[in-house]
Amino acid sequence: MKIILFTTYHSPAASTALKAFLQNTLRKKHDIDVVGIVAVSMLSPQKSILQTIIQFIKRSGWQFAFASFLVSFGQCVIVRFAKHFIPDKKRQYFEIKELADRYKIPYKETKNVRSPEVRSFLQQANADYFVSCLLYQLLPPSILSMPALGAINFHPALFQDHRGTFSSFWTLLRNRKKSGATVHFMTERFDEGKVILQRHFRVHRSDTIHCINQKSAKLGGNLLVKALVKLKKRKASLLWLKKAAKIFSMPGKKETEFFQKNGKHLIKWQDLFRI
């Protein structure tokens, strides 16, 4: 079975999920061959960084937006420079390009998943499945139709509780006692399609957005491998969920203020330096 992985660069959660996927022993045992990795920017190709920041501030408030960008920037810088002074065996996070090089996988980095260069890269690989692993850009129908057997996605939450973006934020805000990961077939619509596998984990009061992101990323990376094994063996029991949650998006100022007033956090500072 040949697959191409779609993911996001400069994302610790994406790095964790991809690392879990590539390290899973079932992948080699069942000849799941990764013939390419496409790493895409988490920013919309239609907007500049400045436009994205302004939109985030207007929507979610400057305090939450500033803290989010500070954490993301800090994590990116630490991960980028950690490889120069910390041994690989002691590192938790790797850049996507590092993982591709380590496993000798053809790699393509782009700001826009719809670019002609990406299409050419995909056509040459001739994959059976496309696998989306914390990809922040929506795959168009012309790309979804390219793989021989379909495209699957790992969503970092349970479809019954949350679809859309900022899943860890909404999980904490709504005081959910559990979250998880959902692997499903992709359609032209956002976070829809038949579910292949789901698993959940407990959410603790002390958990932060970072904690939940890491838990779901590791779980999701491993679930993707198990889902592919089931599909290869033709033992996957596909199902449509009768009660799927509504689509959540970027939180507003009221939600972020309530989040902060109730003692919820983006990350614990000690976690920022666990690289």
C-alpha atoms as a PDB file:
ATOM      1  CA  MET A   1       0.000   0.000   0.000  1.00  0.00           C
ATOM      2  CA  LYS A   2       1.415   3.377  -1.035  1.00  0.00           C
ATOM      3  CA  ILE A   3       0.342   6.550   0.731  1.00  0.00           C
ATOM      4  CA  ILE A   4       1.126  10.265   0.718  1.00  0.00           C
ATOM      5  CA  LEU A   5       0.956  12.173   4.001  1.00  0.00           C
ATOM      6  CA  PHE A   6      -0.368  15.737   4.144  1.00  0.00           C
ATOM      7  CA  THR A   7       0.550  17.713   7.242  1.00  0.00           C
ATOM      8  CA  THR A   8       1.496  21.172   8.538  1.00  0.00           C
ATOM      9  CA  TYR A   9       4.990  22.465   9.125  1.00  0.00           C
ATOM     10  CA  HIS A  10       5.927  24.527  12.213  1.00  0.00           C
ATOM     11  CA  SER A  11       3.308  22.672  14.279  1.00  0.00           C
ATOM     12  CA  PRO A  12       4.443  20.651  17.345  1.00  0.00           C
ATOM     13  CA  ALA A  13       1.178  18.689  17.303  1.00  0.00           C
ATOM     14  CA  ALA A  14       1.641  17.758  13.640  1.00  0.00           C
ATOM     15  CA  SER A  15       5.222  16.719  14.401  1.00  0.00           C
ATOM     16  CA  THR A  16       4.016  14.498  17.252  1.00  0.00           C
ATOM     17  CA  ALA A  17       1.316  12.878  15.106  1.00  0.00           C
ATOM     18  CA  LEU A  18       3.648  12.261  12.184  1.00  0.00           C
ATOM     19  CA  LYS A  19       6.347  10.843  14.455  1.00  0.00           C
ATOM     20  CA  ALA A  20       3.817   8.436  16.022  1.00  0.00           C
ATOM     21  CA  PHE A  21       2.639   7.368  12.567  1.00  0.00           C
ATOM     22  CA  LEU A  22       6.126   6.727  11.183  1.00  0.00           C
ATOM     23  CA  GLN A  23       7.347   4.906  14.306  1.00  0.00           C
ATOM     24  CA  ASN A  24       4.344   2.588  14.563  1.00  0.00           C
ATOM     25  CA  THR A  25       5.594  -0.987  14.026  1.00  0.00           C
ATOM     26  CA  LEU A  26       2.364  -1.999  12.255  1.00  0.00           C
ATOM     27  CA  ARG A  27       3.297   0.283   9.366  1.00  0.00           C
ATOM     28  CA  LYS A  28       6.305  -1.810   8.340  1.00  0.00           C
ATOM     29  CA  LYS A  29       4.672  -5.107   9.257  1.00  0.00           C
ATOM     30  CA  HIS A  30       1.812  -4.462   6.828  1.00  0.00           C
ATOM     31  CA  ASP A  31       3.887  -2.777   4.097  1.00  0.00           C
ATOM     32  CA  ILE A  32       2.393   0.674   4.406  1.00  0.00           C
ATOM     33  CA  ASP A  33       4.861   2.622   2.279  1.00  0.00           C
ATOM     34  CA  VAL A  34       4.975   6.416   2.647  1.00  0.00           C
ATOM     35  CA  VAL A  35       5.946   7.618  -0.831  1.00  0.00           C
ATOM     36  CA  GLY A  36       5.717  11.320  -0.094  1.00  0.00           C
ATOM     37  CA  ILE A  37       5.084  13.993   2.537  1.00  0.00           C
ATOM     38  CA  VAL A  38       3.458  17.312   1.669  1.00  0.00           C
ATOM     39  CA  ALA A  39       3.955  19.899   4.421  1.00  0.00           C
ATOM     40  CA  VAL A  40       1.731  22.955   4.152  1.00  0.00           C
ATOM     41  CA  SER A  41       1.642  26.305   5.932  1.00  0.00           C
ATOM     42  CA  MET A  42      -0.967  26.705   8.669  1.00  0.00           C
ATOM     43  CA  LEU A  43      -1.757  30.151   7.243  1.00  0.00           C
ATOM     44  CA  SER A  44      -4.336  30.699   4.516  1.00  0.00           C
ATOM     45  CA  PRO A  45      -2.594  31.215   1.148  1.00  0.00           C
ATOM     46  CA  GLN A  46      -5.000  34.091   0.490  1.00  0.00           C
ATOM     47  CA  LYS A  47      -3.857  36.066   3.553  1.00  0.00           C
ATOM     48  CA  SER A  48      -0.564  37.498   4.727  1.00  0.00           C
ATOM     49  CA  ILE A  49       0.801  36.917   8.234  1.00  0.00           C
ATOM     50  CA  LEU A  50      -0.223  40.458   9.194  1.00  0.00           C
ATOM     51  CA  GLN A  51      -3.777  39.954   7.930  1.00  0.00           C
ATOM     52  CA  THR A  52      -4.008  36.678   9.854  1.00  0.00           C
ATOM     53  CA  ILE A  53      -2.824  38.341  13.073  1.00  0.00           C
ATOM     54  CA  ILE A  54      -5.267  41.242  12.696  1.00  0.00           C
ATOM     55  CA  GLN A  55      -8.157  38.863  12.058  1.00  0.00           C
ATOM     56  CA  PHE A  56      -7.233  36.765  15.091  1.00  0.00           C
ATOM     57  CA  ILE A  57      -7.011  39.837  17.339  1.00  0.00           C
ATOM     58  CA  LYS A  58     -10.343  41.214  16.128  1.00  0.00           C
ATOM     59  CA  ARG A  59     -12.069  37.884  16.602  1.00  0.00           C
ATOM     60  CA  SER A  60     -10.536  36.516  19.815  1.00  0.00           C
ATOM     61  CA  GLY A  61      -9.167  39.583  21.598  1.00  0.00           C
ATOM     62  CA  TRP A  62      -5.595  40.824  21.803  1.00  0.00           C
ATOM     63  CA  GLN A  63      -4.684  38.978  25.042  1.00  0.00           C
ATOM     64  CA  PHE A  64      -5.568  35.507  23.811  1.00  0.00           C
ATOM     65  CA  ALA A  65      -4.202  36.211  20.317  1.00  0.00           C
ATOM     66  CA  PHE A  66      -0.911  37.585  21.668  1.00  0.00           C
ATOM     67  CA  ALA A  67      -0.465  34.608  24.014  1.00  0.00           C
ATOM     68  CA  SER A  68      -1.243  32.154  21.188  1.00  0.00           C
ATOM     69  CA  PHE A  69       1.264  33.709  18.799  1.00  0.00           C
ATOM     70  CA  LEU A  70       3.889  33.956  21.551  1.00  0.00           C
ATOM     71  CA  VAL A  71       3.550  30.248  22.391  1.00  0.00           C
ATOM     72  CA  SER A  72       3.566  29.201  18.721  1.00  0.00           C
ATOM     73  CA  PHE A  73       6.579  31.354  17.923  1.00  0.00           C
ATOM     74  CA  GLY A  74       8.429  30.140  21.031  1.00  0.00           C
ATOM     75  CA  GLN A  75       7.810  26.501  20.186  1.00  0.00           C
ATOM     76  CA  CYS A  76       8.946  26.965  16.583  1.00  0.00           C
ATOM     77  CA  VAL A  77      12.163  28.691  17.629  1.00  0.00           C
ATOM     78  CA  ILE A  78      12.971  26.089  20.282  1.00  0.00           C
ATOM     79  CA  VAL A  79      12.315  23.154  17.942  1.00  0.00           C
ATOM     80  CA  ARG A  80      14.348  24.804  15.170  1.00  0.00           C
ATOM     81  CA  PHE A  81      17.442  25.292  17.321  1.00  0.00           C
ATOM     82  CA  ALA A  82      17.147  22.221  19.570  1.00  0.00           C
ATOM     83  CA  LYS A  83      18.544  19.964  16.864  1.00  0.00           C
ATOM     84  CA  HIS A  84      21.873  21.771  17.127  1.00  0.00           C
ATOM     85  CA  PHE A  85      22.506  21.110  20.821  1.00  0.00           C
ATOM     86  CA  ILE A  86      20.219  18.270  22.011  1.00  0.00           C
ATOM     87  CA  PRO A  87      20.804  14.624  20.978  1.00  0.00           C
ATOM     88  CA  ASP A  88      18.045  13.081  18.871  1.00  0.00           C
ATOM     89  CA  LYS A  89      17.370  10.368  21.456  1.00  0.00           C
ATOM     90  CA  LYS A  90      16.478  13.024  24.027  1.00  0.00           C
ATOM     91  CA  ARG A  91      14.359  15.203  21.758  1.00  0.00           C
ATOM     92  CA  GLN A  92      10.577  15.049  21.797  1.00  0.00           C
ATOM     93  CA  TYR A  93       9.853  17.223  18.737  1.00  0.00           C
ATOM     94  CA  PHE A  94      11.302  17.151  15.230  1.00  0.00           C
ATOM     95  CA  GLU A  95      10.694  19.349  12.241  1.00  0.00           C
ATOM     96  CA  ILE A  96       8.664  17.640   9.513  1.00  0.00           C
ATOM     97  CA  LYS A  97      11.602  17.897   7.082  1.00  0.00           C
ATOM     98  CA  GLU A  98      13.829  16.112   9.626  1.00  0.00           C
ATOM     99  CA  LEU A  99      11.368  13.219   9.879  1.00  0.00           C
ATOM    100  CA  ALA A 100      11.135  12.963   6.094  1.00  0.00           C
ATOM    101  CA  ASP A 101      14.931  12.870   5.791  1.00  0.00           C
ATOM    102  CA  ARG A 102      15.267  10.322   8.577  1.00  0.00           C
ATOM    103  CA  TYR A 103      12.835   7.915   6.908  1.00  0.00           C
ATOM    104  CA  LYS A 104      14.087   8.777   3.394  1.00  0.00           C
ATOM    105  CA  ILE A 105      10.686   9.988   2.221  1.00  0.00           C
ATOM    106  CA  PRO A 106      10.310  12.447  -0.694  1.00  0.00           C
ATOM    107  CA  TYR A 107       9.304  15.802   0.768  1.00  0.00           C
ATOM    108  CA  LYS A 108       7.456  18.826  -0.595  1.00  0.00           C
ATOM    109  CA  GLU A 109       6.943  22.032   1.391  1.00  0.00           C
ATOM    110  CA  THR A 110       4.463  24.629   0.175  1.00  0.00           C
ATOM    111  CA  LYS A 111       2.340  27.574   1.253  1.00  0.00           C
ATOM    112  CA  ASN A 112      -0.563  26.445  -0.911  1.00  0.00           C
ATOM    113  CA  VAL A 113      -1.689  22.811  -1.207  1.00  0.00           C
ATOM    114  CA  ARG A 114      -3.380  23.659  -4.536  1.00  0.00           C
ATOM    115  CA  SER A 115      -0.161  24.771  -6.243  1.00  0.00           C
ATOM    116  CA  PRO A 116       0.911  23.180  -9.576  1.00  0.00           C
ATOM    117  CA  GLU A 117       4.133  21.927  -7.949  1.00  0.00           C
ATOM    118  CA  VAL A 118       2.133  19.933  -5.401  1.00  0.00           C
ATOM    119  CA  ARG A 119      -0.112  18.432  -8.093  1.00  0.00           C
ATOM    120  CA  SER A 120       2.936  17.327 -10.058  1.00  0.00           C
ATOM    121  CA  PHE A 121       4.458  15.810  -6.900  1.00  0.00           C
ATOM    122  CA  LEU A 122       1.236  13.891  -6.204  1.00  0.00           C
ATOM    123  CA  GLN A 123       0.842  12.604  -9.754  1.00  0.00           C
ATOM    124  CA  GLN A 124       4.361  11.181  -9.818  1.00  0.00           C
ATOM    125  CA  ALA A 125       3.825   9.275  -6.549  1.00  0.00           C
ATOM    126  CA  ASN A 126       0.755   7.336  -7.773  1.00  0.00           C
ATOM    127  CA  ALA A 127      -0.503   6.654  -4.230  1.00  0.00           C
ATOM    128  CA  ASP A 128      -3.311   4.343  -3.108  1.00  0.00           C
ATOM    129  CA  TYR A 129      -4.388   6.679  -0.297  1.00  0.00           C
ATOM    130  CA  PHE A 130      -3.875  10.297   0.675  1.00  0.00           C
ATOM    131  CA  VAL A 131      -3.622  10.687   4.445  1.00  0.00           C
ATOM    132  CA  SER A 132      -4.289  14.049   6.094  1.00  0.00           C
ATOM    133  CA  CYS A 133      -2.569  14.449   9.459  1.00  0.00           C
ATOM    134  CA  LEU A 134      -3.415  17.807  11.082  1.00  0.00           C
ATOM    135  CA  LEU A 135      -3.569  19.609   7.757  1.00  0.00           C
ATOM    136  CA  TYR A 136      -4.865  23.180   8.103  1.00  0.00           C
ATOM    137  CA  GLN A 137      -5.813  23.670   4.446  1.00  0.00           C
ATOM    138  CA  LEU A 138      -8.796  22.011   2.783  1.00  0.00           C
ATOM    139  CA  LEU A 139      -8.017  19.583  -0.041  1.00  0.00           C
ATOM    140  CA  PRO A 140     -10.011  20.439  -3.191  1.00  0.00           C
ATOM    141  CA  PRO A 141     -12.056  17.795  -5.068  1.00  0.00           C
ATOM    142  CA  SER A 142      -9.433  17.639  -7.825  1.00  0.00           C
ATOM    143  CA  ILE A 143      -6.853  16.398  -5.285  1.00  0.00           C
ATOM    144  CA  LEU A 144      -9.251  14.189  -3.312  1.00  0.00           C
ATOM    145  CA  SER A 145     -10.046  12.269  -6.494  1.00  0.00           C
ATOM    146  CA  MET A 146      -6.399  11.534  -7.322  1.00  0.00           C
ATOM    147  CA  PRO A 147      -5.568   8.519  -5.078  1.00  0.00           C
ATOM    148  CA  ALA A 148      -6.732   5.107  -6.267  1.00  0.00           C
ATOM    149  CA  LEU A 149      -8.563   4.137  -3.063  1.00  0.00           C
ATOM    150  CA  GLY A 150      -9.488   7.438  -1.413  1.00  0.00           C
ATOM    151  CA  ALA A 151      -8.355   9.975   1.161  1.00  0.00           C
ATOM    152  CA  ILE A 152      -8.585   9.707   4.956  1.00  0.00           C
ATOM    153  CA  ASN A 153      -8.127  12.278   7.699  1.00  0.00           C
ATOM    154  CA  PHE A 154      -7.236  12.338  11.379  1.00  0.00           C
ATOM    155  CA  HIS A 155      -9.403  14.824  13.298  1.00  0.00           C
ATOM    156  CA  PRO A 156      -8.093  15.721  16.802  1.00  0.00           C
ATOM    157  CA  ALA A 157     -11.403  15.239  18.616  1.00  0.00           C
ATOM    158  CA  LEU A 158     -14.511  13.050  18.701  1.00  0.00           C
ATOM    159  CA  PHE A 159     -16.939  13.894  15.903  1.00  0.00           C
ATOM    160  CA  GLN A 160     -19.809  13.560  18.382  1.00  0.00           C
ATOM    161  CA  ASP A 161     -18.437  16.450  20.478  1.00  0.00           C
ATOM    162  CA  HIS A 162     -16.494  18.641  18.117  1.00  0.00           C
ATOM    163  CA  ARG A 163     -15.932  19.239  14.434  1.00  0.00           C
ATOM    164  CA  GLY A 164     -14.016  22.139  12.961  1.00  0.00           C
ATOM    165  CA  THR A 165     -11.043  24.028  14.392  1.00  0.00           C
ATOM    166  CA  PHE A 166      -9.660  24.888  17.860  1.00  0.00           C
ATOM    167  CA  SER A 167     -10.908  21.556  19.221  1.00  0.00           C
ATOM    168  CA  SER A 168      -8.740  21.611  22.365  1.00  0.00           C
ATOM    169  CA  PHE A 169      -9.938  25.120  23.241  1.00  0.00           C
ATOM    170  CA  TRP A 170     -13.596  24.170  22.954  1.00  0.00           C
ATOM    171  CA  THR A 171     -13.012  20.926  24.865  1.00  0.00           C
ATOM    172  CA  LEU A 172     -11.663  22.863  27.857  1.00  0.00           C
ATOM    173  CA  LEU A 173     -14.170  25.708  27.602  1.00  0.00           C
ATOM    174  CA  ARG A 174     -17.099  23.267  27.619  1.00  0.00           C
ATOM    175  CA  ASN A 175     -15.578  21.268  30.503  1.00  0.00           C
ATOM    176  CA  ARG A 176     -15.605  18.006  28.596  1.00  0.00           C
ATOM    177  CA  LYS A 177     -14.330  15.033  30.581  1.00  0.00           C
ATOM    178  CA  LYS A 178     -13.020  13.274  27.521  1.00  0.00           C
ATOM    179  CA  SER A 179     -11.687  14.003  24.070  1.00  0.00           C
ATOM    180  CA  GLY A 180     -10.018  11.829  21.480  1.00  0.00           C
ATOM    181  CA  ALA A 181      -9.275  11.273  17.818  1.00  0.00           C
ATOM    182  CA  THR A 182     -11.398  10.357  14.806  1.00  0.00           C
ATOM    183  CA  VAL A 183     -10.117   8.829  11.566  1.00  0.00           C
ATOM    184  CA  HIS A 184     -12.553   9.194   8.683  1.00  0.00           C
ATOM    185  CA  PHE A 185     -12.815   9.249   4.916  1.00  0.00           C
ATOM    186  CA  MET A 186     -12.613  12.744   3.485  1.00  0.00           C
ATOM    187  CA  THR A 187     -15.286  14.400   1.381  1.00  0.00           C
ATOM    188  CA  GLU A 188     -15.504  17.806  -0.283  1.00  0.00           C
ATOM    189  CA  ARG A 189     -17.063  19.203   2.887  1.00  0.00           C
ATOM    190  CA  PHE A 190     -15.172  20.063   6.055  1.00  0.00           C
ATOM    191  CA  ASP A 191     -14.968  17.284   8.695  1.00  0.00           C
ATOM    192  CA  GLU A 192     -17.462  14.942   7.098  1.00  0.00           C
ATOM    193  CA  GLY A 193     -17.296  11.402   5.782  1.00  0.00           C
ATOM    194  CA  LYS A 194     -17.640   7.868   7.106  1.00  0.00           C
ATOM    195  CA  VAL A 195     -15.768   7.153  10.326  1.00  0.00           C
ATOM    196  CA  ILE A 196     -13.191   4.344  10.263  1.00  0.00           C
ATOM    197  CA  LEU A 197     -11.860   4.454  13.831  1.00  0.00           C
ATOM    198  CA  GLN A 198     -12.317   6.451  17.014  1.00  0.00           C
ATOM    199  CA  ARG A 199     -10.631   6.377  20.410  1.00  0.00           C
ATOM    200  CA  HIS A 200     -10.941   8.648  23.428  1.00  0.00           C
ATOM    201  CA  PHE A 201      -8.838   9.750  26.403  1.00  0.00           C
ATOM    202  CA  ARG A 202      -9.665  11.446  29.693  1.00  0.00           C
ATOM    203  CA  VAL A 203      -9.360  15.194  30.074  1.00  0.00           C
ATOM    204  CA  HIS A 204      -8.082  16.307  33.475  1.00  0.00           C
ATOM    205  CA  ARG A 205      -8.693  19.614  35.223  1.00  0.00           C
ATOM    206  CA  SER A 206      -5.014  20.477  34.996  1.00  0.00           C
ATOM    207  CA  ASP A 207      -4.856  19.863  31.233  1.00  0.00           C
ATOM    208  CA  THR A 208      -3.972  22.752  28.938  1.00  0.00           C
ATOM    209  CA  ILE A 209      -4.574  23.282  25.235  1.00  0.00           C
ATOM    210  CA  HIS A 210      -1.034  22.023  24.631  1.00  0.00           C
ATOM    211  CA  CYS A 211      -1.646  18.871  26.718  1.00  0.00           C
ATOM    212  CA  ILE A 212      -4.794  17.961  24.829  1.00  0.00           C
ATOM    213  CA  ASN A 213      -3.171  18.712  21.463  1.00  0.00           C
ATOM    214  CA  GLN A 214      -0.297  16.363  22.286  1.00  0.00           C
ATOM    215  CA  LYS A 215      -2.564  13.572  23.554  1.00  0.00           C
ATOM    216  CA  SER A 216      -4.804  13.682  20.491  1.00  0.00           C
ATOM    217  CA  ALA A 217      -1.834  13.998  18.107  1.00  0.00           C
ATOM    218  CA  LYS A 218      -0.073  10.903  19.428  1.00  0.00           C
ATOM    219  CA  LEU A 219      -3.327   8.947  19.517  1.00  0.00           C
ATOM    220  CA  GLY A 220      -4.314  10.115  16.039  1.00  0.00           C
ATOM    221  CA  GLY A 221      -0.969   9.245  14.461  1.00  0.00           C
ATOM    222  CA  ASN A 222      -1.263   5.675  15.721  1.00  0.00           C
ATOM    223  CA  LEU A 223      -4.949   5.412  14.786  1.00  0.00           C
ATOM    224  CA  LEU A 224      -4.131   6.353  11.199  1.00  0.00           C
ATOM    225  CA  VAL A 225      -1.844   3.334  10.908  1.00  0.00           C
ATOM    226  CA  LYS A 226      -4.464   1.029  12.426  1.00  0.00           C
ATOM    227  CA  ALA A 227      -7.116   2.425  10.083  1.00  0.00           C
ATOM    228  CA  LEU A 228      -4.929   1.768   7.048  1.00  0.00           C
ATOM    229  CA  VAL A 229      -4.268  -1.784   8.232  1.00  0.00           C
ATOM    230  CA  LYS A 230      -8.023  -2.374   8.552  1.00  0.00           C
ATOM    231  CA  LEU A 231      -8.630  -0.927   5.100  1.00  0.00           C
ATOM    232  CA  LYS A 232      -5.884  -3.081   3.608  1.00  0.00           C
ATOM    233  CA  LYS A 233      -7.360  -6.204   5.206  1.00  0.00           C
ATOM    234  CA  ARG A 234     -10.853  -5.073   4.213  1.00  0.00           C
ATOM    235  CA  LYS A 235     -11.945  -5.343   7.820  1.00  0.00           C
ATOM    236  CA  ALA A 236     -12.895  -1.705   8.349  1.00  0.00           C
ATOM    237  CA  SER A 237     -16.447  -1.165   9.602  1.00  0.00           C
ATOM    238  CA  LEU A 238     -17.380   2.243   8.234  1.00  0.00           C
ATOM    239  CA  LEU A 239     -20.165   4.210   9.880  1.00  0.00           C
ATOM    240  CA  TRP A 240     -22.005   7.493   9.624  1.00  0.00           C
ATOM    241  CA  LEU A 241     -22.459   9.107  13.031  1.00  0.00           C
ATOM    242  CA  LYS A 242     -26.101   9.901  13.734  1.00  0.00           C
ATOM    243  CA  LYS A 243     -25.224  12.686  16.168  1.00  0.00           C
ATOM    244  CA  ALA A 244     -22.240  14.600  14.836  1.00  0.00           C
ATOM    245  CA  ALA A 245     -21.423  17.902  16.513  1.00  0.00           C
ATOM    246  CA  LYS A 246     -21.801  21.260  14.826  1.00  0.00           C
ATOM    247  CA  ILE A 247     -18.812  22.912  13.173  1.00  0.00           C
ATOM    248  CA  PHE A 248     -16.795  25.040  15.618  1.00  0.00           C
ATOM    249  CA  SER A 249     -14.470  27.810  14.488  1.00  0.00           C
ATOM    250  CA  MET A 250     -12.193  30.473  15.945  1.00  0.00           C
ATOM    251  CA  PRO A 251     -13.443  31.552  19.405  1.00  0.00           C
ATOM    252  CA  GLY A 252     -14.724  35.075  19.995  1.00  0.00           C
ATOM    253  CA  LYS A 253     -13.723  37.572  22.692  1.00  0.00           C
ATOM    254  CA  LYS A 254     -16.458  36.418  25.100  1.00  0.00           C
ATOM    255  CA  GLU A 255     -15.288  32.809  24.865  1.00  0.00           C
ATOM    256  CA  THR A 256     -11.591  33.633  25.325  1.00  0.00           C
ATOM    257  CA  GLU A 257     -12.323  35.916  28.296  1.00  0.00           C
ATOM    258  CA  PHE A 258     -14.440  33.196  29.902  1.00  0.00           C
ATOM    259  CA  PHE A 259     -11.675  30.683  29.165  1.00  0.00           C
ATOM    260  CA  GLN A 260      -9.086  32.795  30.988  1.00  0.00           C
ATOM    261  CA  LYS A 261     -11.348  33.754  33.909  1.00  0.00           C
ATOM    262  CA  ASN A 262     -12.020  30.078  34.597  1.00  0.00           C
ATOM    263  CA  GLY A 263      -8.336  29.283  35.001  1.00  0.00           C
ATOM    264  CA  LYS A 264      -7.814  27.566  31.647  1.00  0.00           C
ATOM    265  CA  HIS A 265      -4.398  27.825  30.004  1.00  0.00           C
ATOM    266  CA  LEU A 266      -2.719  27.519  26.630  1.00  0.00           C
ATOM    267  CA  ILE A 267       0.358  25.808  28.024  1.00  0.00           C
ATOM    268  CA  LYS A 268       2.368  25.348  31.191  1.00  0.00           C
ATOM    269  CA  TRP A 269       5.670  27.145  30.887  1.00  0.00           C
ATOM    270  CA  GLN A 270       7.635  24.028  31.774  1.00  0.00           C
ATOM    271  CA  ASP A 271       5.986  22.254  28.803  1.00  0.00           C
ATOM    272  CA  LEU A 272       7.222  24.953  26.455  1.00  0.00           C
ATOM    273  CA  PHE A 273      10.805  23.865  27.095  1.00  0.00           C
ATOM    274  CA  ARG A 274      10.221  20.100  26.936  1.00  0.00           C
ATOM    275  CA  ILE A 275      11.729  19.616  23.523  1.00  0.00           C
END
